[in-house]
Amino acid sequence: MDPDECLKMCQALARHIIEEADAGLPIADDKAERLAEQFLNLNEWISKGGFLPAVWNVTWNRVEL
């Protein structure tokens, strides 16, 4: 599983669904189904200890007060 590729696919599918909805077009069931499957795959991956997609893996710098 490549969480970075999975996230990119989820984002692309979500954009397509929103664009179609905004244009008043019917939402393709296959796109919604693929988005749901990819999201659940990513969730399962992370839940089982897999690493986060790179863009989600933010390191916060702690500031001591």
PDB file of N, CA and C in Angstrom:
ATOM      1  N   MET A   1       0.850  -1.186   0.000  1.00  0.00           N
ATOM      2  CA  MET A   1       0.000   0.000   0.000  1.00  0.00           C
ATOM      3  C   MET A   1       0.884   1.232   0.000  1.00  0.00           C
ATOM      4  N   ASP A   2       0.597   2.139  -0.890  1.00  0.00           N
ATOM      5  CA  ASP A   2       1.299   3.418  -0.926  1.00  0.00           C
ATOM      6  C   ASP A   2       0.314   4.494  -0.472  1.00  0.00           C
ATOM      7  N   PRO A   3       0.416   4.930   0.785  1.00  0.00           N
ATOM      8  CA  PRO A   3      -0.553   5.889   1.295  1.00  0.00           C
ATOM      9  C   PRO A   3      -0.523   7.221   0.543  1.00  0.00           C
ATOM     10  N   ASP A   4       0.625   7.592  -0.003  1.00  0.00           N
ATOM     11  CA  ASP A   4       0.700   8.843  -0.758  1.00  0.00           C
ATOM     12  C   ASP A   4      -0.134   8.752  -2.036  1.00  0.00           C
ATOM     13  N   GLU A   5      -0.010   7.648  -2.752  1.00  0.00           N
ATOM     14  CA  GLU A   5      -0.795   7.452  -3.970  1.00  0.00           C
ATOM     15  C   GLU A   5      -2.281   7.310  -3.656  1.00  0.00           C
ATOM     16  N   CYS A   6      -2.583   6.627  -2.577  1.00  0.00           N
ATOM     17  CA  CYS A   6      -3.979   6.445  -2.167  1.00  0.00           C
ATOM     18  C   CYS A   6      -4.611   7.793  -1.852  1.00  0.00           C
ATOM     19  N   LEU A   7      -3.908   8.641  -1.126  1.00  0.00           N
ATOM     20  CA  LEU A   7      -4.425   9.970  -0.793  1.00  0.00           C
ATOM     21  C   LEU A   7      -4.617  10.796  -2.056  1.00  0.00           C
ATOM     22  N   LYS A   8      -3.656  10.741  -2.981  1.00  0.00           N
ATOM     23  CA  LYS A   8      -3.793  11.484  -4.242  1.00  0.00           C
ATOM     24  C   LYS A   8      -5.036  11.028  -5.003  1.00  0.00           C
ATOM     25  N   MET A   9      -5.281   9.720  -5.021  1.00  0.00           N
ATOM     26  CA  MET A   9      -6.452   9.204  -5.712  1.00  0.00           C
ATOM     27  C   MET A   9      -7.730   9.673  -5.021  1.00  0.00           C
ATOM     28  N   CYS A  10      -7.753   9.637  -3.697  1.00  0.00           N
ATOM     29  CA  CYS A  10      -8.927  10.115  -2.953  1.00  0.00           C
ATOM     30  C   CYS A  10      -9.187  11.585  -3.268  1.00  0.00           C
ATOM     31  N   GLN A  11      -8.149  12.381  -3.280  1.00  0.00           N
ATOM     32  CA  GLN A  11      -8.315  13.803  -3.550  1.00  0.00           C
ATOM     33  C   GLN A  11      -8.833  14.036  -4.968  1.00  0.00           C
ATOM     34  N   ALA A  12      -8.289  13.312  -5.932  1.00  0.00           N
ATOM     35  CA  ALA A  12      -8.720  13.472  -7.321  1.00  0.00           C
ATOM     36  C   ALA A  12     -10.179  13.057  -7.492  1.00  0.00           C
ATOM     37  N   LEU A  13     -10.539  11.924  -6.907  1.00  0.00           N
ATOM     38  CA  LEU A  13     -11.921  11.462  -7.004  1.00  0.00           C
ATOM     39  C   LEU A  13     -12.871  12.452  -6.335  1.00  0.00           C
ATOM     40  N   ALA A  14     -12.501  12.958  -5.178  1.00  0.00           N
ATOM     41  CA  ALA A  14     -13.345  13.922  -4.473  1.00  0.00           C
ATOM     42  C   ALA A  14     -13.527  15.185  -5.301  1.00  0.00           C
ATOM     43  N   ARG A  15     -12.451  15.656  -5.931  1.00  0.00           N
ATOM     44  CA  ARG A  15     -12.548  16.852  -6.781  1.00  0.00           C
ATOM     45  C   ARG A  15     -13.506  16.617  -7.944  1.00  0.00           C
ATOM     46  N   HIS A  16     -13.382  15.449  -8.587  1.00  0.00           N
ATOM     47  CA  HIS A  16     -14.264  15.134  -9.716  1.00  0.00           C
ATOM     48  C   HIS A  16     -15.728  15.093  -9.269  1.00  0.00           C
ATOM     49  N   ILE A  17     -15.977  14.469  -8.145  1.00  0.00           N
ATOM     50  CA  ILE A  17     -17.351  14.374  -7.639  1.00  0.00           C
ATOM     51  C   ILE A  17     -17.913  15.767  -7.357  1.00  0.00           C
ATOM     52  N   ILE A  18     -17.132  16.620  -6.721  1.00  0.00           N
ATOM     53  CA  ILE A  18     -17.589  17.975  -6.396  1.00  0.00           C
ATOM     54  C   ILE A  18     -17.799  18.797  -7.666  1.00  0.00           C
ATOM     55  N   GLU A  19     -16.877  18.683  -8.627  1.00  0.00           N
ATOM     56  CA  GLU A  19     -17.017  19.413  -9.889  1.00  0.00           C
ATOM     57  C   GLU A  19     -18.288  18.989 -10.624  1.00  0.00           C
ATOM     58  N   GLU A  20     -18.549  17.683 -10.650  1.00  0.00           N
ATOM     59  CA  GLU A  20     -19.755  17.193 -11.311  1.00  0.00           C
ATOM     60  C   GLU A  20     -21.013  17.699 -10.599  1.00  0.00           C
ATOM     61  N   ALA A  21     -21.002  17.657  -9.287  1.00  0.00           N
ATOM     62  CA  ALA A  21     -22.152  18.130  -8.520  1.00  0.00           C
ATOM     63  C   ALA A  21     -22.368  19.626  -8.729  1.00  0.00           C
ATOM     64  N   ASP A  22     -21.283  20.397  -8.720  1.00  0.00           N
ATOM     65  CA  ASP A  22     -21.388  21.843  -8.929  1.00  0.00           C
ATOM     66  C   ASP A  22     -21.920  22.174 -10.313  1.00  0.00           C
ATOM     67  N   ALA A  23     -21.612  21.327 -11.296  1.00  0.00           N
ATOM     68  CA  ALA A  23     -22.076  21.544 -12.668  1.00  0.00           C
ATOM     69  C   ALA A  23     -23.491  21.003 -12.880  1.00  0.00           C
ATOM     70  N   GLY A  24     -24.070  20.434 -11.844  1.00  0.00           N
ATOM     71  CA  GLY A  24     -25.416  19.895 -11.945  1.00  0.00           C
ATOM     72  C   GLY A  24     -25.475  18.550 -12.643  1.00  0.00           C
ATOM     73  N   LEU A  25     -24.329  17.906 -12.780  1.00  0.00           N
ATOM     74  CA  LEU A  25     -24.270  16.599 -13.427  1.00  0.00           C
ATOM     75  C   LEU A  25     -24.533  15.499 -12.399  1.00  0.00           C
ATOM     76  N   PRO A  26     -25.068  14.385 -12.846  1.00  0.00           N
ATOM     77  CA  PRO A  26     -25.235  13.264 -11.909  1.00  0.00           C
ATOM     78  C   PRO A  26     -23.860  12.723 -11.518  1.00  0.00           C
ATOM     79  N   ILE A  27     -23.725  12.374 -10.273  1.00  0.00           N
ATOM     80  CA  ILE A  27     -22.448  11.853  -9.776  1.00  0.00           C
ATOM     81  C   ILE A  27     -22.330  10.389 -10.179  1.00  0.00           C
ATOM     82  N   ALA A  28     -21.225  10.073 -10.804  1.00  0.00           N
ATOM     83  CA  ALA A  28     -20.995   8.700 -11.250  1.00  0.00           C
ATOM     84  C   ALA A  28     -20.807   7.797 -10.036  1.00  0.00           C
ATOM     85  N   ASP A  29     -21.611   6.751  -9.968  1.00  0.00           N
ATOM     86  CA  ASP A  29     -21.544   5.819  -8.844  1.00  0.00           C
ATOM     87  C   ASP A  29     -20.170   5.184  -8.716  1.00  0.00           C
ATOM     88  N   ASP A  30     -19.511   4.916  -9.848  1.00  0.00           N
ATOM     89  CA  ASP A  30     -18.211   4.255  -9.783  1.00  0.00           C
ATOM     90  C   ASP A  30     -17.170   5.151  -9.123  1.00  0.00           C
ATOM     91  N   LYS A  31     -17.266   6.460  -9.333  1.00  0.00           N
ATOM     92  CA  LYS A  31     -16.314   7.376  -8.687  1.00  0.00           C
ATOM     93  C   LYS A  31     -16.536   7.415  -7.180  1.00  0.00           C
ATOM     94  N   ALA A  32     -17.792   7.484  -6.783  1.00  0.00           N
ATOM     95  CA  ALA A  32     -18.110   7.506  -5.353  1.00  0.00           C
ATOM     96  C   ALA A  32     -17.681   6.203  -4.690  1.00  0.00           C
ATOM     97  N   GLU A  33     -17.904   5.099  -5.371  1.00  0.00           N
ATOM     98  CA  GLU A  33     -17.515   3.794  -4.825  1.00  0.00           C
ATOM     99  C   GLU A  33     -15.998   3.677  -4.721  1.00  0.00           C
ATOM    100  N   ARG A  34     -15.270   4.123  -5.744  1.00  0.00           N
ATOM    101  CA  ARG A  34     -13.801   4.068  -5.687  1.00  0.00           C
ATOM    102  C   ARG A  34     -13.263   4.963  -4.585  1.00  0.00           C
ATOM    103  N   LEU A  35     -13.868   6.148  -4.405  1.00  0.00           N
ATOM    104  CA  LEU A  35     -13.439   7.043  -3.333  1.00  0.00           C
ATOM    105  C   LEU A  35     -13.644   6.382  -1.975  1.00  0.00           C
ATOM    106  N   ALA A  36     -14.804   5.779  -1.782  1.00  0.00           N
ATOM    107  CA  ALA A  36     -15.088   5.108  -0.514  1.00  0.00           C
ATOM    108  C   ALA A  36     -14.109   3.964  -0.259  1.00  0.00           C
ATOM    109  N   GLU A  37     -13.837   3.163  -1.287  1.00  0.00           N
ATOM    110  CA  GLU A  37     -12.897   2.043  -1.143  1.00  0.00           C
ATOM    111  C   GLU A  37     -11.496   2.532  -0.807  1.00  0.00           C
ATOM    112  N   GLN A  38     -11.034   3.563  -1.512  1.00  0.00           N
ATOM    113  CA  GLN A  38      -9.687   4.076  -1.255  1.00  0.00           C
ATOM    114  C   GLN A  38      -9.582   4.674   0.139  1.00  0.00           C
ATOM    115  N   PHE A  39     -10.606   5.400   0.550  1.00  0.00           N
ATOM    116  CA  PHE A  39     -10.597   5.984   1.886  1.00  0.00           C
ATOM    117  C   PHE A  39     -10.527   4.902   2.951  1.00  0.00           C
ATOM    118  N   LEU A  40     -11.354   3.866   2.790  1.00  0.00           N
ATOM    119  CA  LEU A  40     -11.338   2.779   3.769  1.00  0.00           C
ATOM    120  C   LEU A  40     -10.005   2.040   3.758  1.00  0.00           C
ATOM    121  N   ASN A  41      -9.408   1.862   2.594  1.00  0.00           N
ATOM    122  CA  ASN A  41      -8.085   1.233   2.515  1.00  0.00           C
ATOM    123  C   ASN A  41      -7.046   2.056   3.270  1.00  0.00           C
ATOM    124  N   LEU A  42      -7.072   3.367   3.064  1.00  0.00           N
ATOM    125  CA  LEU A  42      -6.121   4.242   3.747  1.00  0.00           C
ATOM    126  C   LEU A  42      -6.351   4.216   5.249  1.00  0.00           C
ATOM    127  N   ASN A  43      -7.618   4.255   5.664  1.00  0.00           N
ATOM    128  CA  ASN A  43      -7.938   4.200   7.086  1.00  0.00           C
ATOM    129  C   ASN A  43      -7.441   2.897   7.711  1.00  0.00           C
ATOM    130  N   GLU A  44      -7.666   1.784   7.028  1.00  0.00           N
ATOM    131  CA  GLU A  44      -7.211   0.495   7.550  1.00  0.00           C
ATOM    132  C   GLU A  44      -5.685   0.458   7.659  1.00  0.00           C
ATOM    133  N   TRP A  45      -5.022   0.966   6.639  1.00  0.00           N
ATOM    134  CA  TRP A  45      -3.556   1.012   6.625  1.00  0.00           C
ATOM    135  C   TRP A  45      -3.032   1.771   7.847  1.00  0.00           C
ATOM    136  N   ILE A  46      -3.568   2.956   8.085  1.00  0.00           N
ATOM    137  CA  ILE A  46      -3.119   3.793   9.199  1.00  0.00           C
ATOM    138  C   ILE A  46      -3.485   3.141  10.535  1.00  0.00           C
ATOM    139  N   SER A  47      -4.691   2.596  10.613  1.00  0.00           N
ATOM    140  CA  SER A  47      -5.157   1.970  11.853  1.00  0.00           C
ATOM    141  C   SER A  47      -4.308   0.778  12.267  1.00  0.00           C
ATOM    142  N   LYS A  48      -3.713   0.104  11.289  1.00  0.00           N
ATOM    143  CA  LYS A  48      -2.871  -1.059  11.576  1.00  0.00           C
ATOM    144  C   LYS A  48      -1.402  -0.688  11.748  1.00  0.00           C
ATOM    145  N   GLY A  49      -1.129   0.603  11.905  1.00  0.00           N
ATOM    146  CA  GLY A  49       0.234   1.036  12.192  1.00  0.00           C
ATOM    147  C   GLY A  49       1.027   1.481  10.983  1.00  0.00           C
ATOM    148  N   GLY A  50       0.382   1.560   9.817  1.00  0.00           N
ATOM    149  CA  GLY A  50       1.084   2.039   8.625  1.00  0.00           C
ATOM    150  C   GLY A  50       1.409   3.521   8.751  1.00  0.00           C
ATOM    151  N   PHE A  51       2.382   3.953   7.987  1.00  0.00           N
ATOM    152  CA  PHE A  51       2.781   5.354   8.065  1.00  0.00           C
ATOM    153  C   PHE A  51       1.785   6.249   7.329  1.00  0.00           C
ATOM    154  N   LEU A  52       1.748   7.505   7.739  1.00  0.00           N
ATOM    155  CA  LEU A  52       0.844   8.485   7.154  1.00  0.00           C
ATOM    156  C   LEU A  52       1.334   8.904   5.772  1.00  0.00           C
ATOM    157  N   PRO A  53       0.432   9.420   4.945  1.00  0.00           N
ATOM    158  CA  PRO A  53       0.884  10.048   3.710  1.00  0.00           C
ATOM    159  C   PRO A  53       1.854  11.181   4.062  1.00  0.00           C
ATOM    160  N   ALA A  54       2.816  11.418   3.213  1.00  0.00           N
ATOM    161  CA  ALA A  54       3.866  12.401   3.513  1.00  0.00           C
ATOM    162  C   ALA A  54       3.296  13.778   3.852  1.00  0.00           C
ATOM    163  N   VAL A  55       2.252  14.205   3.143  1.00  0.00           N
ATOM    164  CA  VAL A  55       1.709  15.541   3.409  1.00  0.00           C
ATOM    165  C   VAL A  55       0.991  15.627   4.748  1.00  0.00           C
ATOM    166  N   TRP A  56       0.637  14.489   5.323  1.00  0.00           N
ATOM    167  CA  TRP A  56       0.003  14.475   6.642  1.00  0.00           C
ATOM    168  C   TRP A  56       1.027  14.299   7.763  1.00  0.00           C
ATOM    169  N   ASN A  57       2.216  13.934   7.411  1.00  0.00           N
ATOM    170  CA  ASN A  57       3.241  13.648   8.407  1.00  0.00           C
ATOM    171  C   ASN A  57       3.999  14.928   8.746  1.00  0.00           C
ATOM    172  N   VAL A  58       3.350  15.767   9.523  1.00  0.00           N
ATOM    173  CA  VAL A  58       3.899  17.054   9.890  1.00  0.00           C
ATOM    174  C   VAL A  58       4.603  16.938  11.230  1.00  0.00           C
ATOM    175  N   THR A  59       5.792  17.462  11.290  1.00  0.00           N
ATOM    176  CA  THR A  59       6.521  17.490  12.552  1.00  0.00           C
ATOM    177  C   THR A  59       6.393  18.893  13.120  1.00  0.00           C
ATOM    178  N   TRP A  60       5.855  18.945  14.303  1.00  0.00           N
ATOM    179  CA  TRP A  60       5.685  20.239  14.952  1.00  0.00           C
ATOM    180  C   TRP A  60       6.906  20.537  15.799  1.00  0.00           C
ATOM    181  N   ASN A  61       7.366  21.742  15.712  1.00  0.00           N
ATOM    182  CA  ASN A  61       8.473  22.178  16.559  1.00  0.00           C
ATOM    183  C   ASN A  61       7.880  22.666  17.868  1.00  0.00           C
ATOM    184  N   ARG A  62       8.307  22.043  18.932  1.00  0.00           N
ATOM    185  CA  ARG A  62       7.807  22.450  20.244  1.00  0.00           C
ATOM    186  C   ARG A  62       8.596  23.640  20.742  1.00  0.00           C
ATOM    187  N   VAL A  63       7.901  24.550  21.301  1.00  0.00           N
ATOM    188  CA  VAL A  63       8.533  25.724  21.869  1.00  0.00           C
ATOM    189  C   VAL A  63       8.419  25.618  23.377  1.00  0.00           C
ATOM    190  N   GLU A  64       9.533  25.655  24.032  1.00  0.00           N
ATOM    191  CA  GLU A  64       9.534  25.614  25.490  1.00  0.00           C
ATOM    192  C   GLU A  64       9.233  27.018  26.009  1.00  0.00           C
ATOM    193  N   LEU A  65       8.312  27.080  26.940  1.00  0.00           N
ATOM    194  CA  LEU A  65       7.972  28.383  27.549  1.00  0.00           C
ATOM    195  C   LEU A  65       8.626  28.536  28.883  1.00  0.00           C
TER     196      LEU A  65
END
